[in-house]
Structures are given as C-alpha cells and as structure tokens.
Amino acid sequence: GDTLVFVEVKYRKSGDAGDPLEAITLNKQRRICKAALFYMNQKKIN
C-alpha cells in the first residue's frame, strides 16, 4: 500500500541449524536500518 517495507530474507534447508528468523540478530537489524536510511536519503524520502 503506502508503506515502504524493507525485507530481510533468511533460508535454512532444515531446522538443524536453527530457525532462519533467529539469524536476524540485533547487529544485523542495525545494519539493515542504516542501509534503509541510506536508501531513503538517496531517494529523497523523509
């Protein structure tokens, strides 16, 4: 709709290595947020 959505995708073949969503650590979240800010600045989105 009117919402800009930044999506992180994680894959695991099986549950042996844990849930794929658990791999989105706080550090990873921070990096994604920084990249999102760069994107919005580049596209002139406040």
ModelCIF file with pLDDT and N, C-alpha, C, O atoms, coordinates in Angstrom:
data_MODEL
#
_entry.id   MODEL 
#
_entity.id                         1 
_entity.type                       polymer 
_entity.pdbx_number_of_molecules   1 
#
_entity_poly.entity_id                      1 
_entity_poly.type                           'polypeptide(L)' 
_entity_poly.nstd_linkage                   no 
_entity_poly.nstd_monomer                   no 
_entity_poly.pdbx_seq_one_letter_code       GDTLVFVEVKYRKSGDAGDPLEAITLNKQRRICKAALFYMNQKKIN 
_entity_poly.pdbx_seq_one_letter_code_can   GDTLVFVEVKYRKSGDAGDPLEAITLNKQRRICKAALFYMNQKKIN 
_entity_poly.pdbx_strand_id                 A 
#
loop_
_entity_poly_seq.entity_id 
_entity_poly_seq.num 
_entity_poly_seq.mon_id 
_entity_poly_seq.hetero 
1 1  GLY n 
1 2  ASP n 
1 3  THR n 
1 4  LEU n 
1 5  VAL n 
1 6  PHE n 
1 7  VAL n 
1 8  GLU n 
1 9  VAL n 
1 10 LYS n 
1 11 TYR n 
1 12 ARG n 
1 13 LYS n 
1 14 SER n 
1 15 GLY n 
1 16 ASP n 
1 17 ALA n 
1 18 GLY n 
1 19 ASP n 
1 20 PRO n 
1 21 LEU n 
1 22 GLU n 
1 23 ALA n 
1 24 ILE n 
1 25 THR n 
1 26 LEU n 
1 27 ASN n 
1 28 LYS n 
1 29 GLN n 
1 30 ARG n 
1 31 ARG n 
1 32 ILE n 
1 33 CYS n 
1 34 LYS n 
1 35 ALA n 
1 36 ALA n 
1 37 LEU n 
1 38 PHE n 
1 39 TYR n 
1 40 MET n 
1 41 ASN n 
1 42 GLN n 
1 43 LYS n 
1 44 LYS n 
1 45 ILE n 
1 46 ASN n 
#
_struct_asym.id          A 
_struct_asym.entity_id   1 
#
loop_
_ma_qa_metric.id 
_ma_qa_metric.mode 
_ma_qa_metric.name 
_ma_qa_metric.software_group_id 
_ma_qa_metric.type 
1 global pLDDT . pLDDT 
2 local  pLDDT . pLDDT 
#
_ma_qa_metric_global.metric_id      1 
_ma_qa_metric_global.metric_value   90.35 
_ma_qa_metric_global.model_id       1 
_ma_qa_metric_global.ordinal_id     1 
#
loop_
_ma_qa_metric_local.label_asym_id 
_ma_qa_metric_local.label_comp_id 
_ma_qa_metric_local.label_seq_id 
_ma_qa_metric_local.metric_id 
_ma_qa_metric_local.metric_value 
_ma_qa_metric_local.model_id 
_ma_qa_metric_local.ordinal_id 
A GLY 1  2 96.00 1 1  
A ASP 2  2 94.00 1 2  
A THR 3  2 97.00 1 3  
A LEU 4  2 97.00 1 4  
A VAL 5  2 98.00 1 5  
A PHE 6  2 98.00 1 6  
A VAL 7  2 98.00 1 7  
A GLU 8  2 96.00 1 8  
A VAL 9  2 95.00 1 9  
A LYS 10 2 92.00 1 10 
A TYR 11 2 88.00 1 11 
A ARG 12 2 82.00 1 12 
A LYS 13 2 78.00 1 13 
A SER 14 2 69.00 1 14 
A GLY 15 2 68.00 1 15 
A ASP 16 2 72.00 1 16 
A ALA 17 2 70.00 1 17 
A GLY 18 2 74.00 1 18 
A ASP 19 2 82.00 1 19 
A PRO 20 2 86.00 1 20 
A LEU 21 2 88.00 1 21 
A GLU 22 2 86.00 1 22 
A ALA 23 2 86.00 1 23 
A ILE 24 2 91.00 1 24 
A THR 25 2 92.00 1 25 
A LEU 26 2 93.00 1 26 
A ASN 27 2 93.00 1 27 
A LYS 28 2 93.00 1 28 
A GLN 29 2 95.00 1 29 
A ARG 30 2 94.00 1 30 
A ARG 31 2 94.00 1 31 
A ILE 32 2 95.00 1 32 
A CYS 33 2 94.00 1 33 
A LYS 34 2 94.00 1 34 
A ALA 35 2 95.00 1 35 
A ALA 36 2 96.00 1 36 
A LEU 37 2 94.00 1 37 
A PHE 38 2 94.00 1 38 
A TYR 39 2 96.00 1 39 
A MET 40 2 96.00 1 40 
A ASN 41 2 95.00 1 41 
A GLN 42 2 95.00 1 42 
A LYS 43 2 95.00 1 43 
A LYS 44 2 96.00 1 44 
A ILE 45 2 94.00 1 45 
A ASN 46 2 92.00 1 46 
#
loop_
_atom_site.group_PDB 
_atom_site.id 
_atom_site.type_symbol 
_atom_site.label_atom_id 
_atom_site.label_alt_id 
_atom_site.label_comp_id 
_atom_site.label_asym_id 
_atom_site.label_entity_id 
_atom_site.label_seq_id 
_atom_site.pdbx_PDB_ins_code 
_atom_site.Cartn_x 
_atom_site.Cartn_y 
_atom_site.Cartn_z 
_atom_site.occupancy 
_atom_site.B_iso_or_equiv 
_atom_site.pdbx_formal_charge 
_atom_site.auth_seq_id 
_atom_site.auth_comp_id 
_atom_site.auth_asym_id 
_atom_site.auth_atom_id 
_atom_site.pdbx_PDB_model_num 
ATOM 1   N N  . GLY A 1 1  ? 0.862  -1.185  0.000  1.00 96.00 ? 1  GLY A N  1 
ATOM 2   C CA . GLY A 1 1  ? 0.000  0.000   0.000  1.00 96.00 ? 1  GLY A CA 1 
ATOM 3   C C  . GLY A 1 1  ? 0.893  1.228   0.000  1.00 96.00 ? 1  GLY A C  1 
ATOM 4   O O  . GLY A 1 1  ? 1.716  1.402   -0.899 1.00 96.00 ? 1  GLY A O  1 
ATOM 5   N N  . ASP A 1 2  ? 0.731  2.092   1.019  1.00 94.00 ? 2  ASP A N  1 
ATOM 6   C CA . ASP A 1 2  ? 1.551  3.304   1.125  1.00 94.00 ? 2  ASP A CA 1 
ATOM 7   C C  . ASP A 1 2  ? 2.766  3.103   2.018  1.00 94.00 ? 2  ASP A C  1 
ATOM 8   O O  . ASP A 1 2  ? 3.509  4.050   2.276  1.00 94.00 ? 2  ASP A O  1 
ATOM 9   N N  . THR A 1 3  ? 2.975  1.886   2.491  1.00 97.00 ? 3  THR A N  1 
ATOM 10  C CA . THR A 1 3  ? 4.071  1.622   3.418  1.00 97.00 ? 3  THR A CA 1 
ATOM 11  C C  . THR A 1 3  ? 5.293  1.101   2.667  1.00 97.00 ? 3  THR A C  1 
ATOM 12  O O  . THR A 1 3  ? 5.207  0.163   1.874  1.00 97.00 ? 3  THR A O  1 
ATOM 13  N N  . LEU A 1 4  ? 6.423  1.729   2.938  1.00 97.00 ? 4  LEU A N  1 
ATOM 14  C CA . LEU A 1 4  ? 7.700  1.280   2.390  1.00 97.00 ? 4  LEU A CA 1 
ATOM 15  C C  . LEU A 1 4  ? 8.218  0.164   3.304  1.00 97.00 ? 4  LEU A C  1 
ATOM 16  O O  . LEU A 1 4  ? 8.360  0.355   4.512  1.00 97.00 ? 4  LEU A O  1 
ATOM 17  N N  . VAL A 1 5  ? 8.496  -0.992  2.716  1.00 98.00 ? 5  VAL A N  1 
ATOM 18  C CA . VAL A 1 5  ? 8.860  -2.160  3.512  1.00 98.00 ? 5  VAL A CA 1 
ATOM 19  C C  . VAL A 1 5  ? 10.255 -2.647  3.124  1.00 98.00 ? 5  VAL A C  1 
ATOM 20  O O  . VAL A 1 5  ? 10.542 -2.890  1.952  1.00 98.00 ? 5  VAL A O  1 
ATOM 21  N N  . PHE A 1 6  ? 11.110 -2.783  4.130  1.00 98.00 ? 6  PHE A N  1 
ATOM 22  C CA . PHE A 1 6  ? 12.453 -3.325  3.953  1.00 98.00 ? 6  PHE A CA 1 
ATOM 23  C C  . PHE A 1 6  ? 12.415 -4.759  4.476  1.00 98.00 ? 6  PHE A C  1 
ATOM 24  O O  . PHE A 1 6  ? 12.057 -4.995  5.630  1.00 98.00 ? 6  PHE A O  1 
ATOM 25  N N  . VAL A 1 7  ? 12.782 -5.712  3.627  1.00 98.00 ? 7  VAL A N  1 
ATOM 26  C CA . VAL A 1 7  ? 12.604 -7.123  3.970  1.00 98.00 ? 7  VAL A CA 1 
ATOM 27  C C  . VAL A 1 7  ? 13.943 -7.855  3.995  1.00 98.00 ? 7  VAL A C  1 
ATOM 28  O O  . VAL A 1 7  ? 14.722 -7.794  3.044  1.00 98.00 ? 7  VAL A O  1 
ATOM 29  N N  . GLU A 1 8  ? 14.188 -8.543  5.099  1.00 96.00 ? 8  GLU A N  1 
ATOM 30  C CA . GLU A 1 8  ? 15.358 -9.413  5.233  1.00 96.00 ? 8  GLU A CA 1 
ATOM 31  C C  . GLU A 1 8  ? 14.884 -10.849 5.019  1.00 96.00 ? 8  GLU A C  1 
ATOM 32  O O  . GLU A 1 8  ? 13.891 -11.274 5.610  1.00 96.00 ? 8  GLU A O  1 
ATOM 33  N N  . VAL A 1 9  ? 15.593 -11.587 4.179  1.00 95.00 ? 9  VAL A N  1 
ATOM 34  C CA . VAL A 1 9  ? 15.236 -12.974 3.872  1.00 95.00 ? 9  VAL A CA 1 
ATOM 35  C C  . VAL A 1 9  ? 16.328 -13.895 4.405  1.00 95.00 ? 9  VAL A C  1 
ATOM 36  O O  . VAL A 1 9  ? 17.513 -13.685 4.149  1.00 95.00 ? 9  VAL A O  1 
ATOM 37  N N  . LYS A 1 10 ? 15.912 -14.913 5.146  1.00 92.00 ? 10 LYS A N  1 
ATOM 38  C CA . LYS A 1 10 ? 16.855 -15.918 5.656  1.00 92.00 ? 10 LYS A CA 1 
ATOM 39  C C  . LYS A 1 10 ? 16.345 -17.302 5.292  1.00 92.00 ? 10 LYS A C  1 
ATOM 40  O O  . LYS A 1 10 ? 15.148 -17.578 5.371  1.00 92.00 ? 10 LYS A O  1 
ATOM 41  N N  . TYR A 1 11 ? 17.269 -18.171 4.892  1.00 88.00 ? 11 TYR A N  1 
ATOM 42  C CA . TYR A 1 11 ? 16.915 -19.523 4.453  1.00 88.00 ? 11 TYR A CA 1 
ATOM 43  C C  . TYR A 1 11 ? 17.690 -20.571 5.238  1.00 88.00 ? 11 TYR A C  1 
ATOM 44  O O  . TYR A 1 11 ? 18.870 -20.400 5.541  1.00 88.00 ? 11 TYR A O  1 
ATOM 45  N N  . ARG A 1 12 ? 17.006 -21.647 5.555  1.00 82.00 ? 12 ARG A N  1 
ATOM 46  C CA . ARG A 1 12 ? 17.637 -22.837 6.123  1.00 82.00 ? 12 ARG A CA 1 
ATOM 47  C C  . ARG A 1 12 ? 17.041 -24.041 5.414  1.00 82.00 ? 12 ARG A C  1 
ATOM 48  O O  . ARG A 1 12 ? 15.832 -24.106 5.195  1.00 82.00 ? 12 ARG A O  1 
ATOM 49  N N  . LYS A 1 13 ? 17.889 -24.990 5.059  1.00 78.00 ? 13 LYS A N  1 
ATOM 50  C CA . LYS A 1 13 ? 17.417 -26.204 4.392  1.00 78.00 ? 13 LYS A CA 1 
ATOM 51  C C  . LYS A 1 13 ? 16.538 -27.014 5.348  1.00 78.00 ? 13 LYS A C  1 
ATOM 52  O O  . LYS A 1 13 ? 15.532 -27.599 4.945  1.00 78.00 ? 13 LYS A O  1 
ATOM 53  N N  . SER A 1 14 ? 16.939 -27.034 6.617  1.00 69.00 ? 14 SER A N  1 
ATOM 54  C CA . SER A 1 14 ? 16.180 -27.764 7.632  1.00 69.00 ? 14 SER A CA 1 
ATOM 55  C C  . SER A 1 14 ? 16.354 -27.038 8.969  1.00 69.00 ? 14 SER A C  1 
ATOM 56  O O  . SER A 1 14 ? 17.055 -26.029 9.054  1.00 69.00 ? 14 SER A O  1 
ATOM 57  N N  . GLY A 1 15 ? 15.713 -27.561 9.997  1.00 68.00 ? 15 GLY A N  1 
ATOM 58  C CA . GLY A 1 15 ? 15.802 -26.950 11.313 1.00 68.00 ? 15 GLY A CA 1 
ATOM 59  C C  . GLY A 1 15 ? 17.086 -27.275 12.053 1.00 68.00 ? 15 GLY A C  1 
ATOM 60  O O  . GLY A 1 15 ? 17.287 -26.806 13.173 1.00 68.00 ? 15 GLY A O  1 
ATOM 61  N N  . ASP A 1 16 ? 17.961 -28.071 11.446 1.00 72.00 ? 16 ASP A N  1 
ATOM 62  C CA . ASP A 1 16 ? 19.212 -28.475 12.103 1.00 72.00 ? 16 ASP A CA 1 
ATOM 63  C C  . ASP A 1 16 ? 20.061 -27.280 12.528 1.00 72.00 ? 16 ASP A C  1 
ATOM 64  O O  . ASP A 1 16 ? 20.701 -27.305 13.579 1.00 72.00 ? 16 ASP A O  1 
ATOM 65  N N  . ALA A 1 17 ? 20.061 -26.245 11.709 1.00 70.00 ? 17 ALA A N  1 
ATOM 66  C CA . ALA A 1 17 ? 20.878 -25.065 12.002 1.00 70.00 ? 17 ALA A CA 1 
ATOM 67  C C  . ALA A 1 17 ? 20.069 -23.994 12.738 1.00 70.00 ? 17 ALA A C  1 
ATOM 68  O O  . ALA A 1 17 ? 20.526 -22.860 12.883 1.00 70.00 ? 17 ALA A O  1 
ATOM 69  N N  . GLY A 1 18 ? 18.875 -24.352 13.199 1.00 74.00 ? 18 GLY A N  1 
ATOM 70  C CA . GLY A 1 18 ? 18.041 -23.383 13.903 1.00 74.00 ? 18 GLY A CA 1 
ATOM 71  C C  . GLY A 1 18 ? 17.039 -22.722 12.981 1.00 74.00 ? 18 GLY A C  1 
ATOM 72  O O  . GLY A 1 18 ? 17.060 -22.916 11.765 1.00 74.00 ? 18 GLY A O  1 
ATOM 73  N N  . ASP A 1 19 ? 16.166 -21.942 13.581 1.00 82.00 ? 19 ASP A N  1 
ATOM 74  C CA . ASP A 1 19 ? 15.147 -21.213 12.834 1.00 82.00 ? 19 ASP A CA 1 
ATOM 75  C C  . ASP A 1 19 ? 15.821 -20.110 12.027 1.00 82.00 ? 19 ASP A C  1 
ATOM 76  O O  . ASP A 1 19 ? 16.660 -19.381 12.556 1.00 82.00 ? 19 ASP A O  1 
ATOM 77  N N  . PRO A 1 20 ? 15.462 -19.979 10.747 1.00 86.00 ? 20 PRO A N  1 
ATOM 78  C CA . PRO A 1 20 ? 16.116 -18.937 9.936  1.00 86.00 ? 20 PRO A CA 1 
ATOM 79  C C  . PRO A 1 20 ? 15.913 -17.527 10.492 1.00 86.00 ? 20 PRO A C  1 
ATOM 80  O O  . PRO A 1 20 ? 16.792 -16.675 10.361 1.00 86.00 ? 20 PRO A O  1 
ATOM 81  N N  . LEU A 1 21 ? 14.757 -17.280 11.113 1.00 88.00 ? 21 LEU A N  1 
ATOM 82  C CA . LEU A 1 21 ? 14.487 -15.936 11.630 1.00 88.00 ? 21 LEU A CA 1 
ATOM 83  C C  . LEU A 1 21 ? 15.388 -15.575 12.805 1.00 88.00 ? 21 LEU A C  1 
ATOM 84  O O  . LEU A 1 21 ? 15.628 -14.395 13.060 1.00 88.00 ? 21 LEU A O  1 
ATOM 85  N N  . GLU A 1 22 ? 15.891 -16.580 13.523 1.00 86.00 ? 22 GLU A N  1 
ATOM 86  C CA . GLU A 1 22 ? 16.806 -16.315 14.641 1.00 86.00 ? 22 GLU A CA 1 
ATOM 87  C C  . GLU A 1 22 ? 18.140 -15.752 14.163 1.00 86.00 ? 22 GLU A C  1 
ATOM 88  O O  . GLU A 1 22 ? 18.896 -15.186 14.953 1.00 86.00 ? 22 GLU A O  1 
ATOM 89  N N  . ALA A 1 23 ? 18.430 -15.905 12.876 1.00 86.00 ? 23 ALA A N  1 
ATOM 90  C CA . ALA A 1 23 ? 19.693 -15.418 12.324 1.00 86.00 ? 23 ALA A CA 1 
ATOM 91  C C  . ALA A 1 23 ? 19.686 -13.905 12.099 1.00 86.00 ? 23 ALA A C  1 
ATOM 92  O O  . ALA A 1 23 ? 20.711 -13.322 11.747 1.00 86.00 ? 23 ALA A O  1 
ATOM 93  N N  . ILE A 1 24 ? 18.529 -13.274 12.303 1.00 91.00 ? 24 ILE A N  1 
ATOM 94  C CA . ILE A 1 24 ? 18.453 -11.818 12.135 1.00 91.00 ? 24 ILE A CA 1 
ATOM 95  C C  . ILE A 1 24 ? 18.748 -11.187 13.492 1.00 91.00 ? 24 ILE A C  1 
ATOM 96  O O  . ILE A 1 24 ? 17.844 -10.813 14.238 1.00 91.00 ? 24 ILE A O  1 
ATOM 97  N N  . THR A 1 25 ? 20.022 -11.083 13.781 1.00 92.00 ? 25 THR A N  1 
ATOM 98  C CA . THR A 1 25 ? 20.498 -10.597 15.074 1.00 92.00 ? 25 THR A CA 1 
ATOM 99  C C  . THR A 1 25 ? 20.296 -9.083  15.201 1.00 92.00 ? 25 THR A C  1 
ATOM 100 O O  . THR A 1 25 ? 19.985 -8.398  14.227 1.00 92.00 ? 25 THR A O  1 
ATOM 101 N N  . LEU A 1 26 ? 20.480 -8.587  16.412 1.00 93.00 ? 26 LEU A N  1 
ATOM 102 C CA . LEU A 1 26 ? 20.374 -7.153  16.663 1.00 93.00 ? 26 LEU A CA 1 
ATOM 103 C C  . LEU A 1 26 ? 21.387 -6.387  15.807 1.00 93.00 ? 26 LEU A C  1 
ATOM 104 O O  . LEU A 1 26 ? 21.068 -5.332  15.258 1.00 93.00 ? 26 LEU A O  1 
ATOM 105 N N  . ASN A 1 27 ? 22.589 -6.914  15.697 1.00 93.00 ? 27 ASN A N  1 
ATOM 106 C CA . ASN A 1 27 ? 23.618 -6.279  14.872 1.00 93.00 ? 27 ASN A CA 1 
ATOM 107 C C  . ASN A 1 27 ? 23.173 -6.221  13.404 1.00 93.00 ? 27 ASN A C  1 
ATOM 108 O O  . ASN A 1 27 ? 23.359 -5.205  12.734 1.00 93.00 ? 27 ASN A O  1 
ATOM 109 N N  . LYS A 1 28 ? 22.592 -7.306  12.916 1.00 93.00 ? 28 LYS A N  1 
ATOM 110 C CA . LYS A 1 28 ? 22.087 -7.361  11.537 1.00 93.00 ? 28 LYS A CA 1 
ATOM 111 C C  . LYS A 1 28 ? 20.955 -6.343  11.363 1.00 93.00 ? 28 LYS A C  1 
ATOM 112 O O  . LYS A 1 28 ? 20.885 -5.652  10.347 1.00 93.00 ? 28 LYS A O  1 
ATOM 113 N N  . GLN A 1 29 ? 20.081 -6.259  12.352 1.00 95.00 ? 29 GLN A N  1 
ATOM 114 C CA . GLN A 1 29 ? 18.976 -5.290  12.300 1.00 95.00 ? 29 GLN A CA 1 
ATOM 115 C C  . GLN A 1 29 ? 19.508 -3.868  12.201 1.00 95.00 ? 29 GLN A C  1 
ATOM 116 O O  . GLN A 1 29 ? 18.996 -3.061  11.425 1.00 95.00 ? 29 GLN A O  1 
ATOM 117 N N  . ARG A 1 30 ? 20.531 -3.563  12.984 1.00 94.00 ? 30 ARG A N  1 
ATOM 118 C CA . ARG A 1 30 ? 21.137 -2.220  12.938 1.00 94.00 ? 30 ARG A CA 1 
ATOM 119 C C  . ARG A 1 30 ? 21.688 -1.914  11.550 1.00 94.00 ? 30 ARG A C  1 
ATOM 120 O O  . ARG A 1 30 ? 21.496 -0.816  11.027 1.00 94.00 ? 30 ARG A O  1 
ATOM 121 N N  . ARG A 1 31 ? 22.373 -2.888  10.957 1.00 94.00 ? 31 ARG A N  1 
ATOM 122 C CA . ARG A 1 31 ? 22.942 -2.688  9.611  1.00 94.00 ? 31 ARG A CA 1 
ATOM 123 C C  . ARG A 1 31 ? 21.833 -2.489  8.571  1.00 94.00 ? 31 ARG A C  1 
ATOM 124 O O  . ARG A 1 31 ? 21.967 -1.659  7.672  1.00 94.00 ? 31 ARG A O  1 
ATOM 125 N N  . ILE A 1 32 ? 20.761 -3.237  8.690  1.00 95.00 ? 32 ILE A N  1 
ATOM 126 C CA . ILE A 1 32 ? 19.636 -3.084  7.759  1.00 95.00 ? 32 ILE A CA 1 
ATOM 127 C C  . ILE A 1 32 ? 19.023 -1.692  7.918  1.00 95.00 ? 32 ILE A C  1 
ATOM 128 O O  . ILE A 1 32 ? 18.699 -1.046  6.921  1.00 95.00 ? 32 ILE A O  1 
ATOM 129 N N  . CYS A 1 33 ? 18.863 -1.227  9.144  1.00 94.00 ? 33 CYS A N  1 
ATOM 130 C CA . CYS A 1 33 ? 18.297 0.102   9.399  1.00 94.00 ? 33 CYS A CA 1 
ATOM 131 C C  . CYS A 1 33 ? 19.189 1.200   8.817  1.00 94.00 ? 33 CYS A C  1 
ATOM 132 O O  . CYS A 1 33 ? 18.692 2.173   8.250  1.00 94.00 ? 33 CYS A O  1 
ATOM 133 N N  . LYS A 1 34 ? 20.505 1.038   8.959  1.00 94.00 ? 34 LYS A N  1 
ATOM 134 C CA . LYS A 1 34 ? 21.439 2.014   8.372  1.00 94.00 ? 34 LYS A CA 1 
ATOM 135 C C  . LYS A 1 34 ? 21.308 2.040   6.856  1.00 94.00 ? 34 LYS A C  1 
ATOM 136 O O  . LYS A 1 34 ? 21.272 3.106   6.243  1.00 94.00 ? 34 LYS A O  1 
ATOM 137 N N  . ALA A 1 35 ? 21.236 0.859   6.261  1.00 95.00 ? 35 ALA A N  1 
ATOM 138 C CA . ALA A 1 35 ? 21.095 0.775   4.807  1.00 95.00 ? 35 ALA A CA 1 
ATOM 139 C C  . ALA A 1 35 ? 19.765 1.389   4.364  1.00 95.00 ? 35 ALA A C  1 
ATOM 140 O O  . ALA A 1 35 ? 19.695 2.042   3.323  1.00 95.00 ? 35 ALA A O  1 
ATOM 141 N N  . ALA A 1 36 ? 18.717 1.177   5.154  1.00 96.00 ? 36 ALA A N  1 
ATOM 142 C CA . ALA A 1 36 ? 17.409 1.761   4.838  1.00 96.00 ? 36 ALA A CA 1 
ATOM 143 C C  . ALA A 1 36 ? 17.479 3.280   4.863  1.00 96.00 ? 36 ALA A C  1 
ATOM 144 O O  . ALA A 1 36 ? 16.883 3.948   4.018  1.00 96.00 ? 36 ALA A O  1 
ATOM 145 N N  . LEU A 1 37 ? 18.206 3.826   5.833  1.00 94.00 ? 37 LEU A N  1 
ATOM 146 C CA . LEU A 1 37 ? 18.366 5.274   5.921  1.00 94.00 ? 37 LEU A CA 1 
ATOM 147 C C  . LEU A 1 37 ? 19.123 5.811   4.692  1.00 94.00 ? 37 LEU A C  1 
ATOM 148 O O  . LEU A 1 37 ? 18.757 6.847   4.136  1.00 94.00 ? 37 LEU A O  1 
ATOM 149 N N  . PHE A 1 38 ? 20.175 5.099   4.277  1.00 94.00 ? 38 PHE A N  1 
ATOM 150 C CA . PHE A 1 38 ? 20.890 5.479   3.057  1.00 94.00 ? 38 PHE A CA 1 
ATOM 151 C C  . PHE A 1 38 ? 19.942 5.470   1.857  1.00 94.00 ? 38 PHE A C  1 
ATOM 152 O O  . PHE A 1 38 ? 19.948 6.397   1.047  1.00 94.00 ? 38 PHE A O  1 
ATOM 153 N N  . TYR A 1 39 ? 19.136 4.425   1.753  1.00 96.00 ? 39 TYR A N  1 
ATOM 154 C CA . TYR A 1 39 ? 18.192 4.303   0.640  1.00 96.00 ? 39 TYR A CA 1 
ATOM 155 C C  . TYR A 1 39 ? 17.225 5.487   0.627  1.00 96.00 ? 39 TYR A C  1 
ATOM 156 O O  . TYR A 1 39 ? 17.003 6.105   -0.414 1.00 96.00 ? 39 TYR A O  1 
ATOM 157 N N  . MET A 1 40 ? 16.652 5.797   1.795  1.00 96.00 ? 40 MET A N  1 
ATOM 158 C CA . MET A 1 40 ? 15.686 6.898   1.863  1.00 96.00 ? 40 MET A CA 1 
ATOM 159 C C  . MET A 1 40 ? 16.344 8.238   1.541  1.00 96.00 ? 40 MET A C  1 
ATOM 160 O O  . MET A 1 40 ? 15.744 9.079   0.871  1.00 96.00 ? 40 MET A O  1 
ATOM 161 N N  . ASN A 1 41 ? 17.571 8.439   2.015  1.00 95.00 ? 41 ASN A N  1 
ATOM 162 C CA . ASN A 1 41 ? 18.296 9.673   1.679  1.00 95.00 ? 41 ASN A CA 1 
ATOM 163 C C  . ASN A 1 41 ? 18.527 9.756   0.173  1.00 95.00 ? 41 ASN A C  1 
ATOM 164 O O  . ASN A 1 41 ? 18.333 10.807  -0.438 1.00 95.00 ? 41 ASN A O  1 
ATOM 165 N N  . GLN A 1 42 ? 18.938 8.652   -0.407 1.00 95.00 ? 42 GLN A N  1 
ATOM 166 C CA . GLN A 1 42 ? 19.212 8.600   -1.845 1.00 95.00 ? 42 GLN A CA 1 
ATOM 167 C C  . GLN A 1 42 ? 17.952 8.894   -2.663 1.00 95.00 ? 42 GLN A C  1 
ATOM 168 O O  . GLN A 1 42 ? 18.018 9.554   -3.700 1.00 95.00 ? 42 GLN A O  1 
ATOM 169 N N  . LYS A 1 43 ? 16.813 8.403   -2.191 1.00 95.00 ? 43 LYS A N  1 
ATOM 170 C CA . LYS A 1 43 ? 15.542 8.570   -2.922 1.00 95.00 ? 43 LYS A CA 1 
ATOM 171 C C  . LYS A 1 43 ? 14.769 9.797   -2.454 1.00 95.00 ? 43 LYS A C  1 
ATOM 172 O O  . LYS A 1 43 ? 13.635 10.019  -2.879 1.00 95.00 ? 43 LYS A O  1 
ATOM 173 N N  . LYS A 1 44 ? 15.379 10.593  -1.581 1.00 96.00 ? 44 LYS A N  1 
ATOM 174 C CA . LYS A 1 44 ? 14.762 11.822  -1.061 1.00 96.00 ? 44 LYS A CA 1 
ATOM 175 C C  . LYS A 1 44 ? 13.434 11.529  -0.340 1.00 96.00 ? 44 LYS A C  1 
ATOM 176 O O  . LYS A 1 44 ? 12.450 12.248  -0.513 1.00 96.00 ? 44 LYS A O  1 
ATOM 177 N N  . ILE A 1 45 ? 13.430 10.477  0.458  1.00 94.00 ? 45 ILE A N  1 
ATOM 178 C CA . ILE A 1 45 ? 12.259 10.117  1.269  1.00 94.00 ? 45 ILE A CA 1 
ATOM 179 C C  . ILE A 1 45 ? 12.562 10.535  2.707  1.00 94.00 ? 45 ILE A C  1 
ATOM 180 O O  . ILE A 1 45 ? 13.570 10.126  3.282  1.00 94.00 ? 45 ILE A O  1 
ATOM 181 N N  . ASN A 1 46 ? 11.690 11.342  3.274  1.00 92.00 ? 46 ASN A N  1 
ATOM 182 C CA . ASN A 1 46 ? 11.873 11.771  4.659  1.00 92.00 ? 46 ASN A CA 1 
ATOM 183 C C  . ASN A 1 46 ? 11.395 10.639  5.573  1.00 92.00 ? 46 ASN A C  1 
ATOM 184 O O  . ASN A 1 46 ? 11.451 10.767  6.796  1.00 92.00 ? 46 ASN A O  1 
#
